[in-house]
Amino acid sequence: MEYKIVKIIDDKTVIINAGSNNKVTKFDKFEIYDIGEEVIDPDTGESLGTLDVIKETLNVVRIYPKMCMCRKIYKLDIFTGERVKSLNVDTKDISGGITDENHIKVGDKVRIIKK
């Protein structure tokens, strides 16, 4: 199923419109992506799929019934806890700024990665 970024809290935290009602768990991950160019087999003319661009992979940190809070956890330290990486968010969605095609923005497509 496809979901979307619905809110950017800060440069480390986003809200996705999927929650416990969608069976999201703390063990799930989400990837933010853009649909890429379709690849066609030159011999058969068959579509082989698209070269999707994965912007980021996120960890679920808090779950609500209809949404979840996600962050990019890049290192887990047993003594100090989680280390959170800044996301390449579109700054105009949090406080204005420049745009870039790789920036994460409200409305970006998101899909769950089940373990």
PDB file of N, CA and C in Angstrom:
ATOM      1  N   MET A   1       0.837  -1.181   0.000  1.00  0.00           N
ATOM      2  CA  MET A   1       0.000   0.000   0.000  1.00  0.00           C
ATOM      3  C   MET A   1       0.883   1.245   0.000  1.00  0.00           C
ATOM      4  N   GLU A   2       0.393   2.287  -0.591  1.00  0.00           N
ATOM      5  CA  GLU A   2       1.144   3.542  -0.670  1.00  0.00           C
ATOM      6  C   GLU A   2       0.593   4.551   0.334  1.00  0.00           C
ATOM      7  N   TYR A   3       1.504   5.222   1.019  1.00  0.00           N
ATOM      8  CA  TYR A   3       1.152   6.256   1.983  1.00  0.00           C
ATOM      9  C   TYR A   3       1.847   7.551   1.580  1.00  0.00           C
ATOM     10  N   LYS A   4       1.706   8.591   2.395  1.00  0.00           N
ATOM     11  CA  LYS A   4       2.345   9.872   2.083  1.00  0.00           C
ATOM     12  C   LYS A   4       2.873  10.531   3.347  1.00  0.00           C
ATOM     13  N   ILE A   5       3.865  11.400   3.122  1.00  0.00           N
ATOM     14  CA  ILE A   5       4.306  12.303   4.179  1.00  0.00           C
ATOM     15  C   ILE A   5       3.186  13.326   4.324  1.00  0.00           C
ATOM     16  N   VAL A   6       2.658  13.484   5.534  1.00  0.00           N
ATOM     17  CA  VAL A   6       1.569  14.448   5.739  1.00  0.00           C
ATOM     18  C   VAL A   6       1.994  15.648   6.584  1.00  0.00           C
ATOM     19  N   LYS A   7       3.118  15.513   7.279  1.00  0.00           N
ATOM     20  CA  LYS A   7       3.610  16.623   8.099  1.00  0.00           C
ATOM     21  C   LYS A   7       5.093  16.433   8.330  1.00  0.00           C
ATOM     22  N   ILE A   8       5.827  17.534   8.280  1.00  0.00           N
ATOM     23  CA  ILE A   8       7.249  17.522   8.626  1.00  0.00           C
ATOM     24  C   ILE A   8       7.387  18.297   9.931  1.00  0.00           C
ATOM     25  N   ILE A   9       7.743  17.586  10.989  1.00  0.00           N
ATOM     26  CA  ILE A   9       7.877  18.206  12.317  1.00  0.00           C
ATOM     27  C   ILE A   9       9.137  19.060  12.358  1.00  0.00           C
ATOM     28  N   ASP A  10      10.253  18.489  11.943  1.00  0.00           N
ATOM     29  CA  ASP A  10      11.530  19.197  11.885  1.00  0.00           C
ATOM     30  C   ASP A  10      12.416  18.443  10.907  1.00  0.00           C
ATOM     31  N   ASP A  11      13.698  18.764  10.852  1.00  0.00           N
ATOM     32  CA  ASP A  11      14.562  18.116   9.865  1.00  0.00           C
ATOM     33  C   ASP A  11      14.941  16.685  10.239  1.00  0.00           C
ATOM     34  N   LYS A  12      14.374  16.163  11.304  1.00  0.00           N
ATOM     35  CA  LYS A  12      14.633  14.796  11.723  1.00  0.00           C
ATOM     36  C   LYS A  12      13.369  13.942  11.831  1.00  0.00           C
ATOM     37  N   THR A  13      12.194  14.571  11.822  1.00  0.00           N
ATOM     38  CA  THR A  13      10.963  13.868  12.155  1.00  0.00           C
ATOM     39  C   THR A  13       9.845  14.188  11.168  1.00  0.00           C
ATOM     40  N   VAL A  14       9.224  13.130  10.622  1.00  0.00           N
ATOM     41  CA  VAL A  14       8.085  13.305   9.721  1.00  0.00           C
ATOM     42  C   VAL A  14       6.914  12.463  10.213  1.00  0.00           C
ATOM     43  N   ILE A  15       5.720  12.839   9.751  1.00  0.00           N
ATOM     44  CA  ILE A  15       4.504  12.091  10.049  1.00  0.00           C
ATOM     45  C   ILE A  15       4.006  11.478   8.748  1.00  0.00           C
ATOM     46  N   ILE A  16       3.686  10.194   8.792  1.00  0.00           N
ATOM     47  CA  ILE A  16       3.166   9.447   7.648  1.00  0.00           C
ATOM     48  C   ILE A  16       1.728   9.047   7.959  1.00  0.00           C
ATOM     49  N   ASN A  17       0.867   9.059   6.947  1.00  0.00           N
ATOM     50  CA  ASN A  17      -0.550   8.774   7.154  1.00  0.00           C
ATOM     51  C   ASN A  17      -0.852   7.266   7.200  1.00  0.00           C
ATOM     52  N   ALA A  18      -0.145   6.565   8.059  1.00  0.00           N
ATOM     53  CA  ALA A  18      -0.379   5.140   8.317  1.00  0.00           C
ATOM     54  C   ALA A  18      -0.105   4.903   9.785  1.00  0.00           C
ATOM     55  N   GLY A  19      -0.991   4.155  10.435  1.00  0.00           N
ATOM     56  CA  GLY A  19      -0.818   3.919  11.859  1.00  0.00           C
ATOM     57  C   GLY A  19      -1.260   2.527  12.268  1.00  0.00           C
ATOM     58  N   SER A  20      -1.627   2.389  13.534  1.00  0.00           N
ATOM     59  CA  SER A  20      -2.008   1.079  14.043  1.00  0.00           C
ATOM     60  C   SER A  20      -3.238   0.525  13.321  1.00  0.00           C
ATOM     61  N   ASN A  21      -4.120   1.398  12.829  1.00  0.00           N
ATOM     62  CA  ASN A  21      -5.266   0.925  12.041  1.00  0.00           C
ATOM     63  C   ASN A  21      -4.807   0.252  10.746  1.00  0.00           C
ATOM     64  N   ASN A  22      -3.595   0.567  10.281  1.00  0.00           N
ATOM     65  CA  ASN A  22      -3.016  -0.035   9.076  1.00  0.00           C
ATOM     66  C   ASN A  22      -2.031  -1.149   9.430  1.00  0.00           C
ATOM     67  N   LYS A  23      -2.039  -1.560  10.715  1.00  0.00           N
ATOM     68  CA  LYS A  23      -1.163  -2.626  11.216  1.00  0.00           C
ATOM     69  C   LYS A  23       0.319  -2.248  11.189  1.00  0.00           C
ATOM     70  N   VAL A  24       0.630  -0.965  11.316  1.00  0.00           N
ATOM     71  CA  VAL A  24       2.014  -0.512  11.421  1.00  0.00           C
ATOM     72  C   VAL A  24       2.536  -0.891  12.805  1.00  0.00           C
ATOM     73  N   THR A  25       3.778  -1.390  12.846  1.00  0.00           N
ATOM     74  CA  THR A  25       4.413  -1.744  14.112  1.00  0.00           C
ATOM     75  C   THR A  25       5.734  -0.989  14.245  1.00  0.00           C
ATOM     76  N   LYS A  26       6.312  -1.026  15.446  1.00  0.00           N
ATOM     77  CA  LYS A  26       7.607  -0.371  15.687  1.00  0.00           C
ATOM     78  C   LYS A  26       8.732  -1.037  14.909  1.00  0.00           C
ATOM     79  N   PHE A  27       8.512  -2.218  14.377  1.00  0.00           N
ATOM     80  CA  PHE A  27       9.542  -2.941  13.642  1.00  0.00           C
ATOM     81  C   PHE A  27       9.509  -2.634  12.149  1.00  0.00           C
ATOM     82  N   ASP A  28       8.488  -1.907  11.706  1.00  0.00           N
ATOM     83  CA  ASP A  28       8.362  -1.577  10.288  1.00  0.00           C
ATOM     84  C   ASP A  28       9.273  -0.426   9.914  1.00  0.00           C
ATOM     85  N   LYS A  29       9.607  -0.383   8.651  1.00  0.00           N
ATOM     86  CA  LYS A  29      10.355   0.737   8.079  1.00  0.00           C
ATOM     87  C   LYS A  29       9.546   1.248   6.899  1.00  0.00           C
ATOM     88  N   PHE A  30       9.768   2.500   6.552  1.00  0.00           N
ATOM     89  CA  PHE A  30       9.138   3.108   5.391  1.00  0.00           C
ATOM     90  C   PHE A  30      10.228   3.656   4.486  1.00  0.00           C
ATOM     91  N   GLU A  31       9.996   3.630   3.190  1.00  0.00           N
ATOM     92  CA  GLU A  31      10.913   4.298   2.280  1.00  0.00           C
ATOM     93  C   GLU A  31      10.156   5.377   1.529  1.00  0.00           C
ATOM     94  N   ILE A  32      10.778   6.545   1.464  1.00  0.00           N
ATOM     95  CA  ILE A  32      10.241   7.677   0.718  1.00  0.00           C
ATOM     96  C   ILE A  32      10.827   7.573  -0.682  1.00  0.00           C
ATOM     97  N   TYR A  33       9.967   7.671  -1.694  1.00  0.00           N
ATOM     98  CA  TYR A  33      10.455   7.426  -3.052  1.00  0.00           C
ATOM     99  C   TYR A  33       9.742   8.285  -4.080  1.00  0.00           C
ATOM    100  N   ASP A  34      10.366   8.415  -5.235  1.00  0.00           N
ATOM    101  CA  ASP A  34       9.774   8.981  -6.442  1.00  0.00           C
ATOM    102  C   ASP A  34       9.711   7.867  -7.463  1.00  0.00           C
ATOM    103  N   ILE A  35       8.615   7.811  -8.199  1.00  0.00           N
ATOM    104  CA  ILE A  35       8.508   6.817  -9.264  1.00  0.00           C
ATOM    105  C   ILE A  35       9.449   7.227 -10.386  1.00  0.00           C
ATOM    106  N   GLY A  36      10.281   6.303 -10.795  1.00  0.00           N
ATOM    107  CA  GLY A  36      11.275   6.577 -11.814  1.00  0.00           C
ATOM    108  C   GLY A  36      10.799   6.215 -13.209  1.00  0.00           C
ATOM    109  N   GLU A  37      11.735   6.257 -14.118  1.00  0.00           N
ATOM    110  CA  GLU A  37      11.475   5.962 -15.525  1.00  0.00           C
ATOM    111  C   GLU A  37      11.106   4.495 -15.707  1.00  0.00           C
ATOM    112  N   GLU A  38      10.120   4.240 -16.560  1.00  0.00           N
ATOM    113  CA  GLU A  38       9.740   2.873 -16.874  1.00  0.00           C
ATOM    114  C   GLU A  38      10.799   2.250 -17.784  1.00  0.00           C
ATOM    115  N   VAL A  39      11.153   0.993 -17.501  1.00  0.00           N
ATOM    116  CA  VAL A  39      12.138   0.269 -18.296  1.00  0.00           C
ATOM    117  C   VAL A  39      11.396  -0.786 -19.121  1.00  0.00           C
ATOM    118  N   ILE A  40      11.617  -0.766 -20.430  1.00  0.00           N
ATOM    119  CA  ILE A  40      10.958  -1.695 -21.353  1.00  0.00           C
ATOM    120  C   ILE A  40      11.996  -2.667 -21.921  1.00  0.00           C
ATOM    121  N   ASP A  41      11.670  -3.954 -21.881  1.00  0.00           N
ATOM    122  CA  ASP A  41      12.541  -4.965 -22.480  1.00  0.00           C
ATOM    123  C   ASP A  41      12.517  -4.769 -23.997  1.00  0.00           C
ATOM    124  N   PRO A  42      13.696  -4.526 -24.618  1.00  0.00           N
ATOM    125  CA  PRO A  42      13.719  -4.243 -26.050  1.00  0.00           C
ATOM    126  C   PRO A  42      13.324  -5.442 -26.920  1.00  0.00           C
ATOM    127  N   ASP A  43      13.475  -6.665 -26.387  1.00  0.00           N
ATOM    128  CA  ASP A  43      13.133  -7.853 -27.166  1.00  0.00           C
ATOM    129  C   ASP A  43      11.645  -8.186 -27.111  1.00  0.00           C
ATOM    130  N   THR A  44      11.058  -8.024 -25.929  1.00  0.00           N
ATOM    131  CA  THR A  44       9.653  -8.437 -25.756  1.00  0.00           C
ATOM    132  C   THR A  44       8.683  -7.267 -25.733  1.00  0.00           C
ATOM    133  N   GLY A  45       9.206  -6.058 -25.493  1.00  0.00           N
ATOM    134  CA  GLY A  45       8.322  -4.902 -25.345  1.00  0.00           C
ATOM    135  C   GLY A  45       7.625  -4.871 -23.995  1.00  0.00           C
ATOM    136  N   GLU A  46       7.963  -5.829 -23.131  1.00  0.00           N
ATOM    137  CA  GLU A  46       7.353  -5.934 -21.809  1.00  0.00           C
ATOM    138  C   GLU A  46       7.947  -4.894 -20.856  1.00  0.00           C
ATOM    139  N   SER A  47       7.080  -4.301 -20.025  1.00  0.00           N
ATOM    140  CA  SER A  47       7.559  -3.389 -18.986  1.00  0.00           C
ATOM    141  C   SER A  47       8.218  -4.214 -17.888  1.00  0.00           C
ATOM    142  N   LEU A  48       9.433  -3.821 -17.527  1.00  0.00           N
ATOM    143  CA  LEU A  48      10.179  -4.490 -16.455  1.00  0.00           C
ATOM    144  C   LEU A  48      10.009  -3.783 -15.125  1.00  0.00           C
ATOM    145  N   GLY A  49       9.261  -2.699 -15.128  1.00  0.00           N
ATOM    146  CA  GLY A  49       9.052  -1.932 -13.915  1.00  0.00           C
ATOM    147  C   GLY A  49       9.655  -0.541 -14.048  1.00  0.00           C
ATOM    148  N   THR A  50       9.772   0.141 -12.935  1.00  0.00           N
ATOM    149  CA  THR A  50      10.308   1.502 -12.940  1.00  0.00           C
ATOM    150  C   THR A  50      11.573   1.581 -12.106  1.00  0.00           C
ATOM    151  N   LEU A  51      12.431   2.512 -12.458  1.00  0.00           N
ATOM    152  CA  LEU A  51      13.665   2.764 -11.705  1.00  0.00           C
ATOM    153  C   LEU A  51      13.355   3.800 -10.625  1.00  0.00           C
ATOM    154  N   ASP A  52      12.679   3.354  -9.572  1.00  0.00           N
ATOM    155  CA  ASP A  52      12.281   4.266  -8.512  1.00  0.00           C
ATOM    156  C   ASP A  52      13.500   4.835  -7.788  1.00  0.00           C
ATOM    157  N   VAL A  53      13.390   6.090  -7.383  1.00  0.00           N
ATOM    158  CA  VAL A  53      14.447   6.768  -6.638  1.00  0.00           C
ATOM    159  C   VAL A  53      14.055   6.730  -5.165  1.00  0.00           C
ATOM    160  N   ILE A  54      14.868   6.049  -4.357  1.00  0.00           N
ATOM    161  CA  ILE A  54      14.618   5.975  -2.918  1.00  0.00           C
ATOM    162  C   ILE A  54      15.292   7.179  -2.274  1.00  0.00           C
ATOM    163  N   LYS A  55      14.481   8.078  -1.714  1.00  0.00           N
ATOM    164  CA  LYS A  55      15.016   9.286  -1.086  1.00  0.00           C
ATOM    165  C   LYS A  55      15.577   8.985   0.301  1.00  0.00           C
ATOM    166  N   GLU A  56      14.885   8.112   1.042  1.00  0.00           N
ATOM    167  CA  GLU A  56      15.309   7.836   2.412  1.00  0.00           C
ATOM    168  C   GLU A  56      14.540   6.627   2.926  1.00  0.00           C
ATOM    169  N   THR A  57      15.123   5.915   3.874  1.00  0.00           N
ATOM    170  CA  THR A  57      14.445   4.843   4.592  1.00  0.00           C
ATOM    171  C   THR A  57      14.313   5.283   6.041  1.00  0.00           C
ATOM    172  N   LEU A  58      13.109   5.153   6.593  1.00  0.00           N
ATOM    173  CA  LEU A  58      12.810   5.681   7.926  1.00  0.00           C
ATOM    174  C   LEU A  58      12.376   4.584   8.886  1.00  0.00           C
ATOM    175  N   ASN A  59      12.634   4.821  10.166  1.00  0.00           N
ATOM    176  CA  ASN A  59      12.192   3.932  11.233  1.00  0.00           C
ATOM    177  C   ASN A  59      10.963   4.529  11.908  1.00  0.00           C
ATOM    178  N   VAL A  60      10.040   3.669  12.302  1.00  0.00           N
ATOM    179  CA  VAL A  60       8.862   4.102  13.061  1.00  0.00           C
ATOM    180  C   VAL A  60       9.295   4.334  14.500  1.00  0.00           C
ATOM    181  N   VAL A  61       8.980   5.509  15.056  1.00  0.00           N
ATOM    182  CA  VAL A  61       9.346   5.793  16.446  1.00  0.00           C
ATOM    183  C   VAL A  61       8.128   5.971  17.351  1.00  0.00           C
ATOM    184  N   ARG A  62       6.960   6.282  16.786  1.00  0.00           N
ATOM    185  CA  ARG A  62       5.739   6.413  17.569  1.00  0.00           C
ATOM    186  C   ARG A  62       4.556   6.123  16.656  1.00  0.00           C
ATOM    187  N   ILE A  63       3.581   5.375  17.177  1.00  0.00           N
ATOM    188  CA  ILE A  63       2.432   4.974  16.369  1.00  0.00           C
ATOM    189  C   ILE A  63       1.149   5.512  16.990  1.00  0.00           C
ATOM    190  N   TYR A  64       0.318   6.081  16.144  1.00  0.00           N
ATOM    191  CA  TYR A  64      -1.028   6.530  16.495  1.00  0.00           C
ATOM    192  C   TYR A  64      -2.001   5.708  15.651  1.00  0.00           C
ATOM    193  N   PRO A  65      -3.309   5.773  15.916  1.00  0.00           N
ATOM    194  CA  PRO A  65      -4.243   4.970  15.122  1.00  0.00           C
ATOM    195  C   PRO A  65      -4.170   5.222  13.611  1.00  0.00           C
ATOM    196  N   LYS A  66      -4.066   6.484  13.173  1.00  0.00           N
ATOM    197  CA  LYS A  66      -4.116   6.794  11.747  1.00  0.00           C
ATOM    198  C   LYS A  66      -2.823   7.392  11.200  1.00  0.00           C
ATOM    199  N   MET A  67      -1.775   7.442  12.010  1.00  0.00           N
ATOM    200  CA  MET A  67      -0.507   8.023  11.563  1.00  0.00           C
ATOM    201  C   MET A  67       0.620   7.471  12.408  1.00  0.00           C
ATOM    202  N   CYS A  68       1.845   7.715  11.925  1.00  0.00           N
ATOM    203  CA  CYS A  68       3.008   7.347  12.723  1.00  0.00           C
ATOM    204  C   CYS A  68       4.100   8.394  12.541  1.00  0.00           C
ATOM    205  N   MET A  69       4.924   8.505  13.556  1.00  0.00           N
ATOM    206  CA  MET A  69       6.068   9.403  13.548  1.00  0.00           C
ATOM    207  C   MET A  69       7.281   8.573  13.154  1.00  0.00           C
ATOM    208  N   CYS A  70       8.081   9.105  12.207  1.00  0.00           N
ATOM    209  CA  CYS A  70       9.243   8.378  11.720  1.00  0.00           C
ATOM    210  C   CYS A  70      10.485   9.254  11.746  1.00  0.00           C
ATOM    211  N   ARG A  71      11.623   8.586  11.927  1.00  0.00           N
ATOM    212  CA  ARG A  71      12.924   9.248  11.905  1.00  0.00           C
ATOM    213  C   ARG A  71      13.918   8.331  11.217  1.00  0.00           C
ATOM    214  N   LYS A  72      15.030   8.916  10.816  1.00  0.00           N
ATOM    215  CA  LYS A  72      16.134   8.140  10.258  1.00  0.00           C
ATOM    216  C   LYS A  72      17.069   7.819  11.411  1.00  0.00           C
ATOM    217  N   ILE A  73      17.057   6.575  11.863  1.00  0.00           N
ATOM    218  CA  ILE A  73      17.939   6.146  12.946  1.00  0.00           C
ATOM    219  C   ILE A  73      19.182   5.549  12.281  1.00  0.00           C
ATOM    220  N   TYR A  74      20.336   6.165  12.498  1.00  0.00           N
ATOM    221  CA  TYR A  74      21.516   5.681  11.803  1.00  0.00           C
ATOM    222  C   TYR A  74      22.464   4.911  12.693  1.00  0.00           C
ATOM    223  N   LYS A  75      22.260   4.949  13.997  1.00  0.00           N
ATOM    224  CA  LYS A  75      23.133   4.201  14.881  1.00  0.00           C
ATOM    225  C   LYS A  75      22.402   3.994  16.199  1.00  0.00           C
ATOM    226  N   LEU A  76      22.465   2.799  16.706  1.00  0.00           N
ATOM    227  CA  LEU A  76      21.871   2.519  18.002  1.00  0.00           C
ATOM    228  C   LEU A  76      23.007   2.262  18.984  1.00  0.00           C
ATOM    229  N   ASP A  77      23.099   3.107  19.984  1.00  0.00           N
ATOM    230  CA  ASP A  77      24.142   3.023  20.992  1.00  0.00           C
ATOM    231  C   ASP A  77      23.492   2.528  22.278  1.00  0.00           C
ATOM    232  N   ILE A  78      23.922   1.384  22.795  1.00  0.00           N
ATOM    233  CA  ILE A  78      23.260   0.801  23.972  1.00  0.00           C
ATOM    234  C   ILE A  78      23.415   1.657  25.226  1.00  0.00           C
ATOM    235  N   PHE A  79      24.391   2.572  25.229  1.00  0.00           N
ATOM    236  CA  PHE A  79      24.600   3.401  26.406  1.00  0.00           C
ATOM    237  C   PHE A  79      23.865   4.731  26.322  1.00  0.00           C
ATOM    238  N   THR A  80      23.822   5.326  25.136  1.00  0.00           N
ATOM    239  CA  THR A  80      23.214   6.656  25.012  1.00  0.00           C
ATOM    240  C   THR A  80      21.895   6.653  24.254  1.00  0.00           C
ATOM    241  N   GLY A  81      21.486   5.517  23.683  1.00  0.00           N
ATOM    242  CA  GLY A  81      20.223   5.456  22.953  1.00  0.00           C
ATOM    243  C   GLY A  81      20.407   5.704  21.465  1.00  0.00           C
ATOM    244  N   GLU A  82      19.315   6.061  20.827  1.00  0.00           N
ATOM    245  CA  GLU A  82      19.315   6.224  19.379  1.00  0.00           C
ATOM    246  C   GLU A  82      19.998   7.513  18.951  1.00  0.00           C
ATOM    247  N   ARG A  83      20.640   7.456  17.818  1.00  0.00           N
ATOM    248  CA  ARG A  83      21.205   8.632  17.163  1.00  0.00           C
ATOM    249  C   ARG A  83      20.326   8.908  15.953  1.00  0.00           C
ATOM    250  N   VAL A  84      19.882  10.128  15.823  1.00  0.00           N
ATOM    251  CA  VAL A  84      18.958  10.472  14.753  1.00  0.00           C
ATOM    252  C   VAL A  84      19.666  11.328  13.718  1.00  0.00           C
ATOM    253  N   LYS A  85      19.527  10.945  12.461  1.00  0.00           N
ATOM    254  CA  LYS A  85      20.151  11.662  11.358  1.00  0.00           C
ATOM    255  C   LYS A  85      19.169  12.692  10.806  1.00  0.00           C
ATOM    256  N   SER A  86      19.686  13.856  10.440  1.00  0.00           N
ATOM    257  CA  SER A  86      18.850  14.853   9.778  1.00  0.00           C
ATOM    258  C   SER A  86      18.415  14.326   8.427  1.00  0.00           C
ATOM    259  N   LEU A  87      17.178  14.627   8.044  1.00  0.00           N
ATOM    260  CA  LEU A  87      16.636  14.240   6.751  1.00  0.00           C
ATOM    261  C   LEU A  87      16.808  15.376   5.768  1.00  0.00           C
ATOM    262  N   ASN A  88      16.877  15.053   4.500  1.00  0.00           N
ATOM    263  CA  ASN A  88      16.995  16.061   3.446  1.00  0.00           C
ATOM    264  C   ASN A  88      15.597  16.590   3.108  1.00  0.00           C
ATOM    265  N   VAL A  89      14.955  17.239   4.089  1.00  0.00           N
ATOM    266  CA  VAL A  89      13.588  17.715   3.888  1.00  0.00           C
ATOM    267  C   VAL A  89      13.563  18.979   3.060  1.00  0.00           C
ATOM    268  N   ASP A  90      12.445  19.203   2.395  1.00  0.00           N
ATOM    269  CA  ASP A  90      12.232  20.449   1.665  1.00  0.00           C
ATOM    270  C   ASP A  90      11.962  21.521   2.715  1.00  0.00           C
ATOM    271  N   THR A  91      12.892  22.404   2.917  1.00  0.00           N
ATOM    272  CA  THR A  91      12.796  23.378   4.009  1.00  0.00           C
ATOM    273  C   THR A  91      11.583  24.272   3.906  1.00  0.00           C
ATOM    274  N   LYS A  92      11.010  24.444   2.734  1.00  0.00           N
ATOM    275  CA  LYS A  92       9.813  25.293   2.624  1.00  0.00           C
ATOM    276  C   LYS A  92       8.633  24.677   3.363  1.00  0.00           C
ATOM    277  N   ASP A  93       8.683  23.365   3.593  1.00  0.00           N
ATOM    278  CA  ASP A  93       7.608  22.718   4.323  1.00  0.00           C
ATOM    279  C   ASP A  93       7.744  22.868   5.834  1.00  0.00           C
ATOM    280  N   ILE A  94       8.887  23.354   6.304  1.00  0.00           N
ATOM    281  CA  ILE A  94       9.011  23.585   7.739  1.00  0.00           C
ATOM    282  C   ILE A  94       9.233  25.051   8.077  1.00  0.00           C
ATOM    283  N   SER A  95       9.924  25.799   7.203  1.00  0.00           N
ATOM    284  CA  SER A  95      10.144  27.216   7.514  1.00  0.00           C
ATOM    285  C   SER A  95      10.538  28.035   6.294  1.00  0.00           C
ATOM    286  N   GLY A  96      10.286  27.554   5.096  1.00  0.00           N
ATOM    287  CA  GLY A  96      10.678  28.280   3.890  1.00  0.00           C
ATOM    288  C   GLY A  96      12.101  27.945   3.507  1.00  0.00           C
ATOM    289  N   GLY A  97      12.468  28.218   2.253  1.00  0.00           N
ATOM    290  CA  GLY A  97      13.832  27.958   1.822  1.00  0.00           C
ATOM    291  C   GLY A  97      13.905  27.465   0.395  1.00  0.00           C
ATOM    292  N   ILE A  98      15.035  26.908   0.049  1.00  0.00           N
ATOM    293  CA  ILE A  98      15.270  26.459  -1.320  1.00  0.00           C
ATOM    294  C   ILE A  98      14.560  25.137  -1.594  1.00  0.00           C
ATOM    295  N   THR A  99      14.353  24.841  -2.877  1.00  0.00           N
ATOM    296  CA  THR A  99      13.763  23.564  -3.253  1.00  0.00           C
ATOM    297  C   THR A  99      14.799  22.751  -4.008  1.00  0.00           C
ATOM    298  N   ASP A 100      14.651  21.449  -3.947  1.00  0.00           N
ATOM    299  CA  ASP A 100      15.560  20.520  -4.606  1.00  0.00           C
ATOM    300  C   ASP A 100      14.759  19.266  -4.893  1.00  0.00           C
ATOM    301  N   GLU A 101      14.944  18.653  -6.050  1.00  0.00           N
ATOM    302  CA  GLU A 101      14.130  17.512  -6.423  1.00  0.00           C
ATOM    303  C   GLU A 101      14.293  16.337  -5.470  1.00  0.00           C
ATOM    304  N   ASN A 102      15.375  16.285  -4.708  1.00  0.00           N
ATOM    305  CA  ASN A 102      15.565  15.194  -3.757  1.00  0.00           C
ATOM    306  C   ASN A 102      15.085  15.529  -2.359  1.00  0.00           C
ATOM    307  N   HIS A 103      14.606  16.733  -2.140  1.00  0.00           N
ATOM    308  CA  HIS A 103      14.111  17.085  -0.818  1.00  0.00           C
ATOM    309  C   HIS A 103      12.839  16.319  -0.511  1.00  0.00           C
ATOM    310  N   ILE A 104      12.703  15.933   0.730  1.00  0.00           N
ATOM    311  CA  ILE A 104      11.497  15.285   1.205  1.00  0.00           C
ATOM    312  C   ILE A 104      10.477  16.383   1.476  1.00  0.00           C
ATOM    313  N   LYS A 105       9.242  16.184   0.972  1.00  0.00           N
ATOM    314  CA  LYS A 105       8.225  17.219   1.129  1.00  0.00           C
ATOM    315  C   LYS A 105       6.877  16.599   1.435  1.00  0.00           C
ATOM    316  N   VAL A 106       5.992  17.398   1.986  1.00  0.00           N
ATOM    317  CA  VAL A 106       4.638  16.954   2.261  1.00  0.00           C
ATOM    318  C   VAL A 106       4.019  16.481   0.953  1.00  0.00           C
ATOM    319  N   GLY A 107       3.403  15.324   0.965  1.00  0.00           N
ATOM    320  CA  GLY A 107       2.802  14.748  -0.227  1.00  0.00           C
ATOM    321  C   GLY A 107       3.666  13.698  -0.902  1.00  0.00           C
ATOM    322  N   ASP A 108       4.939  13.557  -0.478  1.00  0.00           N
ATOM    323  CA  ASP A 108       5.797  12.520  -1.059  1.00  0.00           C
ATOM    324  C   ASP A 108       5.188  11.142  -0.824  1.00  0.00           C
ATOM    325  N   LYS A 109       5.359  10.247  -1.772  1.00  0.00           N
ATOM    326  CA  LYS A 109       4.899   8.875  -1.666  1.00  0.00           C
ATOM    327  C   LYS A 109       5.784   8.110  -0.685  1.00  0.00           C
ATOM    328  N   VAL A 110       5.149   7.211   0.075  1.00  0.00           N
ATOM    329  CA  VAL A 110       5.856   6.404   1.053  1.00  0.00           C
ATOM    330  C   VAL A 110       5.275   4.994   0.995  1.00  0.00           C
ATOM    331  N   ARG A 111       6.145   3.965   1.103  1.00  0.00           N
ATOM    332  CA  ARG A 111       5.643   2.602   1.176  1.00  0.00           C
ATOM    333  C   ARG A 111       6.301   1.892   2.342  1.00  0.00           C
ATOM    334  N   ILE A 112       5.548   0.970   2.915  1.00  0.00           N
ATOM    335  CA  ILE A 112       6.027   0.264   4.087  1.00  0.00           C
ATOM    336  C   ILE A 112       6.933  -0.889   3.668  1.00  0.00           C
ATOM    337  N   ILE A 113       7.915  -1.165   4.496  1.00  0.00           N
ATOM    338  CA  ILE A 113       8.811  -2.297   4.301  1.00  0.00           C
ATOM    339  C   ILE A 113       8.565  -3.227   5.482  1.00  0.00           C
ATOM    340  N   LYS A 114       7.862  -4.304   5.267  1.00  0.00           N
ATOM    341  CA  LYS A 114       7.569  -5.255   6.355  1.00  0.00           C
ATOM    342  C   LYS A 114       8.752  -6.190   6.547  1.00  0.00           C
ATOM    343  N   LYS A 115       9.078  -6.464   7.805  1.00  0.00           N
ATOM    344  CA  LYS A 115      10.154  -7.410   8.101  1.00  0.00           C
ATOM    345  C   LYS A 115       9.619  -8.808   8.142  1.00  0.00           C
TER     346      LYS A 115
END
